[in-house]
Amino acid sequence: TNPITRMKKEPTLLMELLSLFAFAQDSLL
């Protein structure tokens, strides 16, 4: 989940998703 904060949040969910993208070895859909 994203943090429950106002203004701009630290993008924890985005960072986890992008780390999975970088971890891909064979395919990314």
Full PDB file with SEQRES, HELIX, SHEET, SSBOND, CRYST1, ORIGX, SCALE, CONECT and MASTER records, all heavy atoms in Angstrom:
SEQRES   1 A   29  THR ASN PRO ILE THR ARG MET LYS LYS GLU PRO THR LEU          
SEQRES   2 A   29  LEU MET GLU LEU LEU SER LEU PHE ALA PHE ALA GLN ASP          
SEQRES   3 A   29  SER LEU LEU                                                  
HELIX    1 AA1 THR A   12  PHE A   23  1                                  12    
CRYST1    1.000    1.000    1.000  90.00  90.00  90.00 P 1           1          
ORIGX1      1.000000  0.000000  0.000000        0.00000                         
ORIGX2      0.000000  1.000000  0.000000        0.00000                         
ORIGX3      0.000000  0.000000  1.000000        0.00000                         
SCALE1      1.000000  0.000000  0.000000        0.00000                         
SCALE2      0.000000  1.000000  0.000000        0.00000                         
SCALE3      0.000000  0.000000  1.000000        0.00000                         
ATOM      1  N   THR A   1       0.834  -1.195   0.000  1.00  0.00           N  
ATOM      2  CA  THR A   1       0.000   0.000   0.000  1.00  0.00           C  
ATOM      3  C   THR A   1       0.871   1.249   0.000  1.00  0.00           C  
ATOM      4  O   THR A   1       2.052   1.210   0.327  1.00  0.00           O  
ATOM      5  CB  THR A   1      -0.898   0.046   1.252  1.00  0.00           C  
ATOM      6  OG1 THR A   1      -0.088   0.203   2.415  1.00  0.00           O  
ATOM      7  CG2 THR A   1      -1.719  -1.227   1.385  1.00  0.00           C  
ATOM      8  N   ASN A   2       0.244   2.363  -0.360  1.00  0.00           N  
ATOM      9  CA  ASN A   2       0.878   3.666  -0.187  1.00  0.00           C  
ATOM     10  C   ASN A   2       0.751   4.101   1.271  1.00  0.00           C  
ATOM     11  O   ASN A   2      -0.169   3.666   1.980  1.00  0.00           O  
ATOM     12  CB  ASN A   2       0.205   4.710  -1.073  1.00  0.00           C  
ATOM     13  CG  ASN A   2       0.842   4.807  -2.447  1.00  0.00           C  
ATOM     14  OD1 ASN A   2       1.915   4.285  -2.695  1.00  0.00           O  
ATOM     15  ND2 ASN A   2       0.170   5.504  -3.361  1.00  0.00           N  
ATOM     16  N   PRO A   3       1.618   4.988   1.731  1.00  0.00           N  
ATOM     17  CA  PRO A   3       1.464   5.533   3.084  1.00  0.00           C  
ATOM     18  C   PRO A   3       0.182   6.353   3.191  1.00  0.00           C  
ATOM     19  O   PRO A   3      -0.306   6.910   2.198  1.00  0.00           O  
ATOM     20  CB  PRO A   3       2.686   6.434   3.257  1.00  0.00           C  
ATOM     21  CG  PRO A   3       3.633   6.044   2.170  1.00  0.00           C  
ATOM     22  CD  PRO A   3       2.807   5.520   1.054  1.00  0.00           C  
ATOM     23  N   ILE A   4      -0.375   6.421   4.392  1.00  0.00           N  
ATOM     24  CA  ILE A   4      -1.565   7.246   4.633  1.00  0.00           C  
ATOM     25  C   ILE A   4      -1.082   8.608   5.119  1.00  0.00           C  
ATOM     26  O   ILE A   4      -1.023   8.893   6.321  1.00  0.00           O  
ATOM     27  CB  ILE A   4      -2.503   6.584   5.662  1.00  0.00           C  
ATOM     28  CG1 ILE A   4      -2.791   5.137   5.269  1.00  0.00           C  
ATOM     29  CG2 ILE A   4      -3.818   7.363   5.762  1.00  0.00           C  
ATOM     30  CD1 ILE A   4      -3.589   4.364   6.311  1.00  0.00           C  
ATOM     31  N   THR A   5      -0.709   9.451   4.169  1.00  0.00           N  
ATOM     32  CA  THR A   5      -0.186  10.779   4.490  1.00  0.00           C  
ATOM     33  C   THR A   5      -0.766  11.792   3.520  1.00  0.00           C  
ATOM     34  O   THR A   5      -1.263  11.438   2.447  1.00  0.00           O  
ATOM     35  CB  THR A   5       1.349  10.815   4.387  1.00  0.00           C  
ATOM     36  OG1 THR A   5       1.746  10.398   3.070  1.00  0.00           O  
ATOM     37  CG2 THR A   5       1.987   9.899   5.416  1.00  0.00           C  
ATOM     38  N   ARG A   6      -0.679  13.058   3.896  1.00  0.00           N  
ATOM     39  CA  ARG A   6      -1.115  14.136   3.012  1.00  0.00           C  
ATOM     40  C   ARG A   6       0.073  14.633   2.181  1.00  0.00           C  
ATOM     41  O   ARG A   6       1.172  14.151   2.308  1.00  0.00           O  
ATOM     42  CB  ARG A   6      -1.699  15.287   3.830  1.00  0.00           C  
ATOM     43  CG  ARG A   6      -3.096  15.012   4.371  1.00  0.00           C  
ATOM     44  CD  ARG A   6      -3.565  16.142   5.239  1.00  0.00           C  
ATOM     45  NE  ARG A   6      -4.950  15.944   5.677  1.00  0.00           N  
ATOM     46  CZ  ARG A   6      -5.475  16.514   6.743  1.00  0.00           C  
ATOM     47  NH1 ARG A   6      -4.735  17.334   7.495  1.00  0.00           N  
ATOM     48  NH2 ARG A   6      -6.738  16.293   7.078  1.00  0.00           N  
ATOM     49  N   MET A   7      -0.225  15.642   1.367  1.00  0.00           N  
ATOM     50  CA  MET A   7       0.758  16.228   0.462  1.00  0.00           C  
ATOM     51  C   MET A   7       1.282  15.130  -0.460  1.00  0.00           C  
ATOM     52  O   MET A   7       0.522  14.264  -0.868  1.00  0.00           O  
ATOM     53  CB  MET A   7       1.872  16.921   1.238  1.00  0.00           C  
ATOM     54  CG  MET A   7       1.360  17.896   2.307  1.00  0.00           C  
ATOM     55  SD  MET A   7       0.223  19.173   1.687  1.00  0.00           S  
ATOM     56  CE  MET A   7       1.373  20.302   0.930  1.00  0.00           C  
ATOM     57  N   LYS A   8       2.576  15.130  -0.777  1.00  0.00           N  
ATOM     58  CA  LYS A   8       3.110  14.049  -1.607  1.00  0.00           C  
ATOM     59  C   LYS A   8       3.616  12.914  -0.723  1.00  0.00           C  
ATOM     60  O   LYS A   8       4.332  13.143   0.251  1.00  0.00           O  
ATOM     61  CB  LYS A   8       4.219  14.566  -2.523  1.00  0.00           C  
ATOM     62  CG  LYS A   8       3.691  15.333  -3.720  1.00  0.00           C  
ATOM     63  CD  LYS A   8       4.739  15.492  -4.798  1.00  0.00           C  
ATOM     64  CE  LYS A   8       4.124  16.135  -6.045  1.00  0.00           C  
ATOM     65  NZ  LYS A   8       5.133  16.346  -7.110  1.00  0.00           N  
ATOM     66  N   LYS A   9       3.213  11.701  -1.082  1.00  0.00           N  
ATOM     67  CA  LYS A   9       3.591  10.529  -0.302  1.00  0.00           C  
ATOM     68  C   LYS A   9       4.941   9.990  -0.769  1.00  0.00           C  
ATOM     69  O   LYS A   9       5.313  10.161  -1.930  1.00  0.00           O  
ATOM     70  CB  LYS A   9       2.540   9.429  -0.476  1.00  0.00           C  
ATOM     71  CG  LYS A   9       1.112   9.844  -0.193  1.00  0.00           C  
ATOM     72  CD  LYS A   9       0.162   8.702  -0.491  1.00  0.00           C  
ATOM     73  CE  LYS A   9      -1.286   9.140  -0.425  1.00  0.00           C  
ATOM     74  NZ  LYS A   9      -1.701   9.571   0.906  1.00  0.00           N  
ATOM     75  N   GLU A  10       5.620   9.314   0.127  1.00  0.00           N  
ATOM     76  CA  GLU A  10       6.762   8.538  -0.322  1.00  0.00           C  
ATOM     77  C   GLU A  10       6.216   7.397  -1.176  1.00  0.00           C  
ATOM     78  O   GLU A  10       5.326   6.666  -0.736  1.00  0.00           O  
ATOM     79  CB  GLU A  10       7.550   7.975   0.852  1.00  0.00           C  
ATOM     80  CG  GLU A  10       8.796   7.243   0.393  1.00  0.00           C  
ATOM     81  CD  GLU A  10       9.632   6.731   1.562  1.00  0.00           C  
ATOM     82  OE1 GLU A  10       9.059   6.521   2.639  1.00  0.00           O  
ATOM     83  OE2 GLU A  10      10.839   6.535   1.367  1.00  0.00           O  
ATOM     84  N   PRO A  11       6.702   7.216  -2.417  1.00  0.00           N  
ATOM     85  CA  PRO A  11       6.074   6.280  -3.362  1.00  0.00           C  
ATOM     86  C   PRO A  11       6.478   4.827  -3.116  1.00  0.00           C  
ATOM     87  O   PRO A  11       7.095   4.188  -3.970  1.00  0.00           O  
ATOM     88  CB  PRO A  11       6.562   6.789  -4.716  1.00  0.00           C  
ATOM     89  CG  PRO A  11       7.918   7.342  -4.418  1.00  0.00           C  
ATOM     90  CD  PRO A  11       7.810   7.970  -3.046  1.00  0.00           C  
ATOM     91  N   THR A  12       6.119   4.300  -1.965  1.00  0.00           N  
ATOM     92  CA  THR A  12       6.537   2.941  -1.622  1.00  0.00           C  
ATOM     93  C   THR A  12       5.994   1.909  -2.599  1.00  0.00           C  
ATOM     94  O   THR A  12       6.701   0.971  -2.984  1.00  0.00           O  
ATOM     95  CB  THR A  12       6.096   2.590  -0.196  1.00  0.00           C  
ATOM     96  OG1 THR A  12       4.691   2.810  -0.064  1.00  0.00           O  
ATOM     97  CG2 THR A  12       6.814   3.458   0.816  1.00  0.00           C  
ATOM     98  N   LEU A  13       4.744   2.096  -3.004  1.00  0.00           N  
ATOM     99  CA  LEU A  13       4.163   1.124  -3.929  1.00  0.00           C  
ATOM    100  C   LEU A  13       4.846   1.202  -5.298  1.00  0.00           C  
ATOM    101  O   LEU A  13       5.175   0.177  -5.903  1.00  0.00           O  
ATOM    102  CB  LEU A  13       2.652   1.367  -4.066  1.00  0.00           C  
ATOM    103  CG  LEU A  13       1.779   0.188  -4.499  1.00  0.00           C  
ATOM    104  CD1 LEU A  13       0.318   0.456  -4.140  1.00  0.00           C  
ATOM    105  CD2 LEU A  13       1.902  -0.108  -5.967  1.00  0.00           C  
ATOM    106  N   LEU A  14       5.082   2.417  -5.774  1.00  0.00           N  
ATOM    107  CA  LEU A  14       5.796   2.585  -7.046  1.00  0.00           C  
ATOM    108  C   LEU A  14       7.183   1.961  -6.975  1.00  0.00           C  
ATOM    109  O   LEU A  14       7.614   1.275  -7.914  1.00  0.00           O  
ATOM    110  CB  LEU A  14       5.909   4.070  -7.384  1.00  0.00           C  
ATOM    111  CG  LEU A  14       6.766   4.407  -8.614  1.00  0.00           C  
ATOM    112  CD1 LEU A  14       6.083   3.939  -9.888  1.00  0.00           C  
ATOM    113  CD2 LEU A  14       7.064   5.906  -8.683  1.00  0.00           C  
ATOM    114  N   MET A  15       7.881   2.174  -5.877  1.00  0.00           N  
ATOM    115  CA  MET A  15       9.239   1.636  -5.762  1.00  0.00           C  
ATOM    116  C   MET A  15       9.241   0.113  -5.772  1.00  0.00           C  
ATOM    117  O   MET A  15      10.105  -0.510  -6.402  1.00  0.00           O  
ATOM    118  CB  MET A  15       9.904   2.176  -4.497  1.00  0.00           C  
ATOM    119  CG  MET A  15      10.286   3.650  -4.597  1.00  0.00           C  
ATOM    120  SD  MET A  15      11.348   4.213  -3.227  1.00  0.00           S  
ATOM    121  CE  MET A  15      10.154   4.327  -1.910  1.00  0.00           C  
ATOM    122  N   GLU A  16       8.277  -0.495  -5.101  1.00  0.00           N  
ATOM    123  CA  GLU A  16       8.202  -1.960  -5.109  1.00  0.00           C  
ATOM    124  C   GLU A  16       7.890  -2.471  -6.518  1.00  0.00           C  
ATOM    125  O   GLU A  16       8.472  -3.458  -6.980  1.00  0.00           O  
ATOM    126  CB  GLU A  16       7.130  -2.447  -4.132  1.00  0.00           C  
ATOM    127  CG  GLU A  16       7.438  -2.184  -2.663  1.00  0.00           C  
ATOM    128  CD  GLU A  16       8.501  -3.113  -2.099  1.00  0.00           C  
ATOM    129  OE1 GLU A  16       9.206  -3.808  -2.869  1.00  0.00           O  
ATOM    130  OE2 GLU A  16       8.651  -3.134  -0.859  1.00  0.00           O  
ATOM    131  N   LEU A  17       6.989  -1.778  -7.211  1.00  0.00           N  
ATOM    132  CA  LEU A  17       6.625  -2.200  -8.557  1.00  0.00           C  
ATOM    133  C   LEU A  17       7.809  -2.054  -9.511  1.00  0.00           C  
ATOM    134  O   LEU A  17       8.113  -2.967 -10.302  1.00  0.00           O  
ATOM    135  CB  LEU A  17       5.434  -1.376  -9.051  1.00  0.00           C  
ATOM    136  CG  LEU A  17       4.773  -1.842 -10.351  1.00  0.00           C  
ATOM    137  CD1 LEU A  17       4.212  -3.247 -10.206  1.00  0.00           C  
ATOM    138  CD2 LEU A  17       3.667  -0.871 -10.760  1.00  0.00           C  
ATOM    139  N   LEU A  18       8.504  -0.928  -9.459  1.00  0.00           N  
ATOM    140  CA  LEU A  18       9.641  -0.708 -10.351  1.00  0.00           C  
ATOM    141  C   LEU A  18      10.783  -1.674 -10.036  1.00  0.00           C  
ATOM    142  O   LEU A  18      11.523  -2.077 -10.940  1.00  0.00           O  
ATOM    143  CB  LEU A  18      10.130   0.733 -10.240  1.00  0.00           C  
ATOM    144  CG  LEU A  18       9.165   1.808 -10.772  1.00  0.00           C  
ATOM    145  CD1 LEU A  18       9.759   3.199 -10.592  1.00  0.00           C  
ATOM    146  CD2 LEU A  18       8.816   1.565 -12.240  1.00  0.00           C  
ATOM    147  N   SER A  19      10.923  -2.052  -8.770  1.00  0.00           N  
ATOM    148  CA  SER A  19      11.964  -3.031  -8.432  1.00  0.00           C  
ATOM    149  C   SER A  19      11.632  -4.394  -9.034  1.00  0.00           C  
ATOM    150  O   SER A  19      12.535  -5.122  -9.460  1.00  0.00           O  
ATOM    151  CB  SER A  19      12.127  -3.141  -6.916  1.00  0.00           C  
ATOM    152  OG  SER A  19      11.038  -3.817  -6.319  1.00  0.00           O  
ATOM    153  N   LEU A  20      10.347  -4.734  -9.073  1.00  0.00           N  
ATOM    154  CA  LEU A  20       9.937  -5.982  -9.716  1.00  0.00           C  
ATOM    155  C   LEU A  20      10.173  -5.917 -11.223  1.00  0.00           C  
ATOM    156  O   LEU A  20      10.595  -6.900 -11.838  1.00  0.00           O  
ATOM    157  CB  LEU A  20       8.464  -6.271  -9.421  1.00  0.00           C  
ATOM    158  CG  LEU A  20       8.155  -6.833  -8.033  1.00  0.00           C  
ATOM    159  CD1 LEU A  20       6.654  -6.785  -7.756  1.00  0.00           C  
ATOM    160  CD2 LEU A  20       8.662  -8.265  -7.919  1.00  0.00           C  
ATOM    161  N   PHE A  21       9.907  -4.763 -11.829  1.00  0.00           N  
ATOM    162  CA  PHE A  21      10.180  -4.591 -13.260  1.00  0.00           C  
ATOM    163  C   PHE A  21      11.662  -4.820 -13.549  1.00  0.00           C  
ATOM    164  O   PHE A  21      12.032  -5.482 -14.513  1.00  0.00           O  
ATOM    165  CB  PHE A  21       9.790  -3.185 -13.722  1.00  0.00           C  
ATOM    166  CG  PHE A  21       8.307  -2.913 -13.770  1.00  0.00           C  
ATOM    167  CD1 PHE A  21       7.822  -1.666 -14.113  1.00  0.00           C  
ATOM    168  CD2 PHE A  21       7.382  -3.910 -13.465  1.00  0.00           C  
ATOM    169  CE1 PHE A  21       6.465  -1.406 -14.168  1.00  0.00           C  
ATOM    170  CE2 PHE A  21       6.012  -3.661 -13.517  1.00  0.00           C  
ATOM    171  CZ  PHE A  21       5.561  -2.399 -13.867  1.00  0.00           C  
ATOM    172  N   ALA A  22      12.525  -4.246 -12.715  1.00  0.00           N  
ATOM    173  CA  ALA A  22      13.970  -4.388 -12.921  1.00  0.00           C  
ATOM    174  C   ALA A  22      14.432  -5.821 -12.679  1.00  0.00           C  
ATOM    175  O   ALA A  22      15.450  -6.252 -13.231  1.00  0.00           O  
ATOM    176  CB  ALA A  22      14.719  -3.428 -11.989  1.00  0.00           C  
ATOM    177  N   PHE A  23      13.688  -6.547 -11.855  1.00  0.00           N  
ATOM    178  CA  PHE A  23      14.046  -7.915 -11.493  1.00  0.00           C  
ATOM    179  C   PHE A  23      13.662  -8.916 -12.580  1.00  0.00           C  
ATOM    180  O   PHE A  23      14.117 -10.068 -12.576  1.00  0.00           O  
ATOM    181  CB  PHE A  23      13.342  -8.285 -10.182  1.00  0.00           C  
ATOM    182  CG  PHE A  23      13.974  -9.422  -9.436  1.00  0.00           C  
ATOM    183  CD1 PHE A  23      15.253  -9.314  -8.922  1.00  0.00           C  
ATOM    184  CD2 PHE A  23      13.281 -10.611  -9.251  1.00  0.00           C  
ATOM    185  CE1 PHE A  23      15.828 -10.362  -8.222  1.00  0.00           C  
ATOM    186  CE2 PHE A  23      13.845 -11.666  -8.558  1.00  0.00           C  
ATOM    187  CZ  PHE A  23      15.124 -11.538  -8.036  1.00  0.00           C  
ATOM    188  N   ALA A  24      12.817  -8.483 -13.544  1.00  0.00           N  
ATOM    189  CA  ALA A  24      12.324  -9.388 -14.595  1.00  0.00           C  
ATOM    190  C   ALA A  24      13.482  -9.942 -15.420  1.00  0.00           C  
ATOM    191  O   ALA A  24      14.386  -9.206 -15.825  1.00  0.00           O  
ATOM    192  CB  ALA A  24      11.346  -8.647 -15.497  1.00  0.00           C  
ATOM    193  N   GLN A  25      13.428 -11.238 -15.681  1.00  0.00           N  
ATOM    194  CA  GLN A  25      14.455 -11.919 -16.462  1.00  0.00           C  
ATOM    195  C   GLN A  25      13.971 -12.333 -17.844  1.00  0.00           C  
ATOM    196  O   GLN A  25      14.746 -12.334 -18.806  1.00  0.00           O  
ATOM    197  CB  GLN A  25      14.928 -13.168 -15.712  1.00  0.00           C  
ATOM    198  CG  GLN A  25      15.483 -12.889 -14.322  1.00  0.00           C  
ATOM    199  CD  GLN A  25      16.765 -12.071 -14.372  1.00  0.00           C  
ATOM    200  OE1 GLN A  25      17.666 -12.363 -15.153  1.00  0.00           O  
ATOM    201  NE2 GLN A  25      16.841 -11.046 -13.539  1.00  0.00           N  
ATOM    202  N   ASP A  26      12.708 -12.700 -17.960  1.00  0.00           N  
ATOM    203  CA  ASP A  26      12.199 -13.268 -19.217  1.00  0.00           C  
ATOM    204  C   ASP A  26      11.085 -12.455 -19.856  1.00  0.00           C  
ATOM    205  O   ASP A  26      11.031 -12.322 -21.079  1.00  0.00           O  
ATOM    206  CB  ASP A  26      11.694 -14.703 -18.976  1.00  0.00           C  
ATOM    207  CG  ASP A  26      12.783 -15.608 -18.445  1.00  0.00           C  
ATOM    208  OD1 ASP A  26      13.878 -15.620 -19.045  1.00  0.00           O  
ATOM    209  OD2 ASP A  26      12.557 -16.290 -17.432  1.00  0.00           O  
ATOM    210  N   SER A  27      10.162 -11.921 -19.046  1.00  0.00           N  
ATOM    211  CA  SER A  27       9.014 -11.233 -19.638  1.00  0.00           C  
ATOM    212  C   SER A  27       8.432 -10.232 -18.653  1.00  0.00           C  
ATOM    213  O   SER A  27       8.529 -10.400 -17.435  1.00  0.00           O  
ATOM    214  CB  SER A  27       7.931 -12.242 -20.052  1.00  0.00           C  
ATOM    215  OG  SER A  27       7.439 -12.945 -18.916  1.00  0.00           O  
ATOM    216  N   LEU A  28       7.823  -9.190 -19.195  1.00  0.00           N  
ATOM    217  CA  LEU A  28       7.156  -8.174 -18.399  1.00  0.00           C  
ATOM    218  C   LEU A  28       5.918  -7.712 -19.164  1.00  0.00           C  
ATOM    219  O   LEU A  28       6.019  -7.174 -20.259  1.00  0.00           O  
ATOM    220  CB  LEU A  28       8.096  -6.988 -18.145  1.00  0.00           C  
ATOM    221  CG  LEU A  28       7.503  -5.773 -17.415  1.00  0.00           C  
ATOM    222  CD1 LEU A  28       6.930  -6.171 -16.072  1.00  0.00           C  
ATOM    223  CD2 LEU A  28       8.575  -4.688 -17.257  1.00  0.00           C  
ATOM    224  N   LEU A  29       4.738  -7.953 -18.581  1.00  0.00           N  
ATOM    225  CA  LEU A  29       3.459  -7.614 -19.200  1.00  0.00           C  
ATOM    226  C   LEU A  29       2.748  -6.600 -18.314  1.00  0.00           C  
ATOM    227  O   LEU A  29       2.564  -6.838 -17.114  1.00  0.00           O  
ATOM    228  CB  LEU A  29       2.604  -8.875 -19.373  1.00  0.00           C  
ATOM    229  CG  LEU A  29       1.206  -8.717 -19.972  1.00  0.00           C  
ATOM    230  CD1 LEU A  29       1.262  -8.067 -21.354  1.00  0.00           C  
ATOM    231  CD2 LEU A  29       0.509 -10.081 -20.042  1.00  0.00           C  
TER     232      LEU A  29                                                      
MASTER        0    0    0    1    0    0    0    6  231    1    0    3          
END                                                                             
